[in-house]
Amino acid sequence: MKLLMIEDNKSVSEMMKIFFQKEDWDTHFAYDGNEALEMFRSDPEGWDMITLDLNLPGIDGMQVGAEIRKQAPTVPIIMLTARDSESDQVLGLEMGADDYVTKPFSPITLIARIKALHRRAELGTTKAAPSESGLDTSSANESNNFDIKTDHFKLNSNTREAYLNGEPIDDLTPKEFDLLRALAQKPRQVFSREQLLQQVWNYEYYGDERTVDAHIKKLRQKIEKVGPQIIQTVWGVGYRFDDSGVEDK
């Protein structure tokens, strides 16, 4: 794994460097926002994981995260925030972070979060290869083994692909894809925010329920690029997947 840790506290970075070395990860460190963007842009498609402290000198963490998301829509990002900065946590998730860890944190906890997020991201790299024989692969999505199918929606958990009326829903982060899959597995069933936290963040999670709202917001924005909204809010309860109102193309 090639990991970029953006953290202005050098003591924290030195501590985590020891743990990263034990995992045999290729880890790089940036200590302010400008340095972080310079390092990221040196190899924008080469990073497997980014940890991002929101409280940075120079360019702040929110701006850094937004710039990274523009160039790498799916790279996993774990943000590091102060324990009492709930507004920053929500803004960071809306910016595009996949998860957050509050300071002070246990190195073992951060390592576990990184591994869990990386496993999901790795699944997304297993895309169907173009045919070496030169055959047309424009209808490849029809031949994939979709494990979720409704009248207008298809999802393949192995290739981490999702389609609405045949159009791909692109640039889903690992958490956004997992959230979409959790909802689509049981169409029209209403899931509370707590249930979604348990299913999608399948380790002991200390975030509040607004984490789900932030991810739902980003997920809806990506769905709306290809078709009508299929994630519905059930006021006072939670969310459900329902494509029954989608018209055929």
Protein backbone atom coordinates (compact mmCIF):
# COMPACT_ATOMS: atom_id res chain seq x y z
CA MET A 1 0.00 0.00 0.00
CA LYS A 2 1.23 3.47 -0.90
CA LEU A 3 -0.05 5.81 1.82
CA LEU A 4 0.15 9.59 2.19
CA MET A 5 -0.21 10.87 5.75
CA ILE A 6 -0.97 14.59 5.90
CA GLU A 7 -0.32 15.63 9.50
CA ASP A 8 1.29 18.78 10.87
CA ASN A 9 2.15 17.20 14.25
CA LYS A 10 5.51 15.58 13.64
CA SER A 11 5.30 13.60 16.89
CA VAL A 12 2.13 11.92 15.65
CA SER A 13 3.74 11.26 12.27
CA GLU A 14 6.85 9.75 13.84
CA MET A 15 4.71 7.52 16.05
CA MET A 16 2.62 6.31 13.11
CA LYS A 17 5.72 5.80 10.98
CA ILE A 18 6.77 2.99 13.34
CA PHE A 19 3.41 1.26 12.98
CA PHE A 20 3.33 1.73 9.21
CA GLN A 21 6.79 0.20 8.89
CA LYS A 22 5.58 -2.88 10.77
CA GLU A 23 2.88 -3.24 8.12
CA ASP A 24 5.52 -2.82 5.39
CA TRP A 25 3.60 0.04 3.78
CA ASP A 26 5.19 2.61 1.47
CA THR A 27 4.37 5.68 3.53
CA HIS A 28 5.00 9.35 2.77
CA PHE A 29 4.43 12.33 5.07
CA ALA A 30 3.36 15.92 4.44
CA TYR A 31 3.28 18.51 7.21
CA ASP A 32 1.25 21.36 5.70
CA GLY A 33 -1.40 21.85 3.04
CA ASN A 34 0.88 23.12 0.30
CA GLU A 35 3.37 20.28 0.74
CA ALA A 36 0.50 17.79 0.78
CA LEU A 37 -0.91 18.91 -2.55
CA GLU A 38 2.56 19.00 -4.11
CA MET A 39 3.24 15.42 -3.01
CA PHE A 40 -0.20 14.22 -4.09
CA ARG A 41 0.11 15.82 -7.53
CA SER A 42 3.48 14.12 -8.07
CA ASP A 43 1.57 10.85 -8.51
CA PRO A 44 -2.19 11.52 -8.36
CA GLU A 45 -3.20 8.03 -9.47
CA GLY A 46 -0.57 6.19 -7.44
CA TRP A 47 -1.89 6.62 -3.90
CA ASP A 48 -3.79 3.77 -2.27
CA MET A 49 -4.76 5.62 0.92
CA ILE A 50 -4.66 9.13 2.37
CA THR A 51 -5.00 10.19 5.99
CA LEU A 52 -5.79 13.88 6.29
CA ASP A 53 -5.59 16.11 9.34
CA LEU A 54 -8.10 18.93 8.96
CA ASN A 55 -6.12 21.40 11.07
CA LEU A 56 -3.21 22.22 8.78
CA PRO A 57 -1.00 25.28 8.29
CA GLY A 58 -1.02 26.88 4.88
CA ILE A 59 -3.95 25.43 2.96
CA ASP A 60 -6.39 23.90 5.44
CA GLY A 61 -7.43 20.27 5.37
CA MET A 62 -10.86 20.93 3.88
CA GLN A 63 -9.35 22.62 0.86
CA VAL A 64 -6.69 19.93 0.51
CA GLY A 65 -9.33 17.21 0.61
CA ALA A 66 -11.50 18.97 -1.95
CA GLU A 67 -8.55 19.36 -4.35
CA ILE A 68 -7.61 15.69 -3.93
CA ARG A 69 -11.20 14.64 -4.63
CA LYS A 70 -11.24 16.63 -7.88
CA GLN A 71 -8.25 14.72 -9.20
CA ALA A 72 -8.84 11.33 -7.55
CA PRO A 73 -12.58 10.79 -7.00
CA THR A 74 -12.22 7.31 -5.50
CA VAL A 75 -8.98 7.32 -3.51
CA PRO A 76 -9.83 6.37 0.10
CA ILE A 77 -9.48 9.28 2.55
CA ILE A 78 -9.56 9.02 6.33
CA MET A 79 -9.66 12.40 8.02
CA LEU A 80 -8.28 13.10 11.48
CA THR A 81 -10.25 15.56 13.59
CA ALA A 82 -10.40 16.88 17.14
CA ARG A 83 -12.90 15.01 19.28
CA ASP A 84 -15.15 18.04 19.83
CA SER A 85 -15.23 19.31 16.22
CA GLU A 86 -18.47 17.65 15.08
CA SER A 87 -19.12 20.32 12.47
CA ASP A 88 -15.70 19.68 10.93
CA GLN A 89 -16.47 15.96 10.82
CA VAL A 90 -19.69 16.52 8.92
CA LEU A 91 -18.09 19.03 6.54
CA GLY A 92 -15.19 16.65 5.95
CA LEU A 93 -17.54 13.81 5.06
CA GLU A 94 -19.47 16.07 2.72
CA MET A 95 -16.15 17.12 1.16
CA GLY A 96 -15.63 13.46 0.25
CA ALA A 97 -13.78 11.72 3.08
CA ASP A 98 -14.72 8.08 3.55
CA ASP A 99 -14.22 7.91 7.29
CA TYR A 100 -12.80 9.82 10.22
CA VAL A 101 -10.81 9.12 13.37
CA THR A 102 -10.92 11.53 16.30
CA LYS A 103 -7.86 12.75 18.16
CA PRO A 104 -6.32 11.58 20.36
CA PHE A 105 -6.48 8.17 18.70
CA SER A 106 -4.93 4.78 19.20
CA PRO A 107 -2.45 3.84 16.44
CA ILE A 108 -4.01 0.37 16.40
CA THR A 109 -7.43 1.91 15.77
CA LEU A 110 -6.12 3.96 12.84
CA ILE A 111 -4.36 0.92 11.37
CA ALA A 112 -7.59 -1.09 11.62
CA ARG A 113 -9.58 1.66 9.89
CA ILE A 114 -7.00 1.90 7.11
CA LYS A 115 -7.02 -1.87 6.53
CA ALA A 116 -10.82 -2.06 6.47
CA LEU A 117 -11.12 0.80 3.99
CA HIS A 118 -8.27 -0.52 1.84
CA ARG A 119 -9.91 -3.96 1.52
CA ARG A 120 -13.01 -2.34 0.05
CA ALA A 121 -11.00 -0.14 -2.27
CA GLU A 122 -9.01 -3.11 -3.56
CA LEU A 123 -12.21 -4.85 -4.63
CA GLY A 124 -12.98 -1.87 -6.82
CA THR A 125 -9.79 -2.32 -8.83
CA THR A 126 -10.90 -5.70 -10.17
CA LYS A 127 -12.55 -4.47 -13.33
CA ALA A 128 -13.23 -6.60 -16.38
CA ALA A 129 -10.29 -6.32 -18.76
CA PRO A 130 -10.87 -5.28 -22.37
CA SER A 131 -10.99 -8.17 -24.79
CA GLU A 132 -7.55 -8.97 -26.20
CA SER A 133 -9.19 -10.40 -29.29
CA GLY A 134 -10.44 -6.94 -30.30
CA LEU A 135 -14.12 -7.86 -29.85
CA ASP A 136 -16.58 -5.09 -28.99
CA THR A 137 -16.95 -4.80 -25.22
CA SER A 138 -19.52 -1.98 -25.21
CA SER A 139 -22.14 -4.32 -23.73
CA ALA A 140 -19.82 -5.75 -21.09
CA ASN A 141 -22.14 -4.62 -18.34
CA GLU A 142 -24.80 -7.01 -19.65
CA SER A 143 -22.53 -10.04 -19.30
CA ASN A 144 -21.30 -9.30 -15.79
CA ASN A 145 -22.55 -11.41 -12.93
CA PHE A 146 -24.71 -8.88 -11.12
CA ASP A 147 -25.72 -10.00 -7.66
CA ILE A 148 -28.35 -7.25 -7.24
CA LYS A 149 -30.88 -6.66 -10.02
CA THR A 150 -34.10 -4.67 -10.04
CA ASP A 151 -36.15 -3.33 -12.93
CA HIS A 152 -33.81 -0.37 -13.44
CA PHE A 153 -30.74 -1.01 -11.31
CA LYS A 154 -27.86 -3.49 -11.35
CA LEU A 155 -24.92 -3.91 -8.99
CA ASN A 156 -21.90 -6.19 -9.13
CA SER A 157 -20.20 -6.58 -5.75
CA ASN A 158 -17.11 -8.23 -7.23
CA THR A 159 -16.30 -5.48 -9.72
CA ARG A 160 -17.82 -2.74 -7.53
CA GLU A 161 -19.93 -1.46 -10.44
CA ALA A 162 -23.45 -0.06 -10.30
CA TYR A 163 -25.77 0.89 -13.17
CA LEU A 164 -29.04 2.81 -13.33
CA ASN A 165 -30.97 2.18 -16.56
CA GLY A 166 -27.75 0.88 -18.09
CA GLU A 167 -25.75 4.00 -17.22
CA PRO A 168 -22.79 3.54 -14.84
CA ILE A 169 -22.86 5.41 -11.54
CA ASP A 170 -19.24 6.54 -11.58
CA ASP A 171 -16.66 7.60 -9.02
CA LEU A 172 -18.26 5.95 -6.00
CA THR A 173 -15.96 5.90 -2.99
CA PRO A 174 -15.70 2.59 -1.08
CA LYS A 175 -18.15 3.74 1.59
CA GLU A 176 -20.62 5.17 -0.95
CA PHE A 177 -20.67 1.88 -2.84
CA ASP A 178 -21.16 -0.14 0.36
CA LEU A 179 -23.99 2.17 1.41
CA LEU A 180 -25.71 1.84 -1.97
CA ARG A 181 -25.36 -1.95 -1.85
CA ALA A 182 -26.74 -2.18 1.70
CA LEU A 183 -29.86 -0.25 0.68
CA ALA A 184 -30.33 -1.96 -2.71
CA GLN A 185 -30.10 -5.46 -1.27
CA LYS A 186 -33.55 -4.94 0.24
CA PRO A 187 -35.55 -2.58 -1.98
CA ARG A 188 -38.20 -0.48 -0.21
CA GLN A 189 -37.05 -1.61 3.22
CA VAL A 190 -36.44 1.36 5.48
CA PHE A 191 -33.06 1.42 7.23
CA SER A 192 -32.40 3.61 10.23
CA ARG A 193 -29.14 5.53 10.37
CA GLU A 194 -27.99 3.30 13.21
CA GLN A 195 -28.64 0.17 11.12
CA LEU A 196 -26.66 1.60 8.22
CA LEU A 197 -23.76 2.51 10.52
CA GLN A 198 -23.67 -1.08 11.74
CA GLN A 199 -23.87 -2.61 8.27
CA VAL A 200 -21.60 -0.30 6.30
CA TRP A 201 -19.08 0.56 9.00
CA ASN A 202 -18.75 -3.05 10.11
CA TYR A 203 -16.33 -2.46 12.95
CA GLU A 204 -16.96 -0.67 16.22
CA TYR A 205 -17.76 2.83 15.08
CA TYR A 206 -17.85 5.90 17.27
CA GLY A 207 -19.22 8.39 14.77
CA ASP A 208 -22.64 9.97 15.10
CA GLU A 209 -25.52 9.34 12.73
CA ARG A 210 -24.81 12.46 10.67
CA THR A 211 -22.02 10.42 9.10
CA VAL A 212 -24.72 8.53 7.20
CA ASP A 213 -26.46 11.74 6.12
CA ALA A 214 -23.22 13.14 4.71
CA HIS A 215 -22.53 10.01 2.67
CA ILE A 216 -26.13 9.82 1.45
CA LYS A 217 -25.84 13.41 0.20
CA LYS A 218 -22.71 12.62 -1.85
CA LEU A 219 -24.18 9.35 -3.12
CA ARG A 220 -27.34 11.09 -4.32
CA GLN A 221 -25.30 13.67 -6.21
CA LYS A 222 -23.58 10.90 -8.17
CA ILE A 223 -26.82 9.02 -8.84
CA GLU A 224 -28.49 12.17 -10.17
CA LYS A 225 -25.79 12.51 -12.82
CA VAL A 226 -27.23 9.45 -14.60
CA GLY A 227 -30.90 9.35 -13.67
CA PRO A 228 -33.69 10.02 -11.18
CA GLN A 229 -33.17 9.66 -7.46
CA ILE A 230 -33.51 6.12 -6.10
CA ILE A 231 -32.45 6.80 -2.49
CA GLN A 232 -35.45 8.11 -0.59
CA THR A 233 -35.68 9.74 2.82
CA VAL A 234 -38.30 8.36 5.18
CA TRP A 235 -38.71 11.26 7.57
CA GLY A 236 -38.11 10.44 11.20
CA VAL A 237 -36.86 6.94 10.37
CA GLY A 238 -34.04 6.74 7.82
CA TYR A 239 -33.54 5.83 4.16
CA ARG A 240 -34.66 3.28 1.60
CA PHE A 241 -33.85 2.22 -1.96
CA ASP A 242 -36.76 2.39 -4.39
CA ASP A 243 -36.50 2.49 -8.18
CA SER A 244 -40.15 1.67 -8.84
CA GLY A 245 -40.80 5.21 -10.06
CA VAL A 246 -37.95 5.20 -12.60
CA GLU A 247 -39.08 5.21 -16.21
CA ASP A 248 -37.54 2.97 -18.84
CA LYS A 249 -35.16 4.69 -21.23
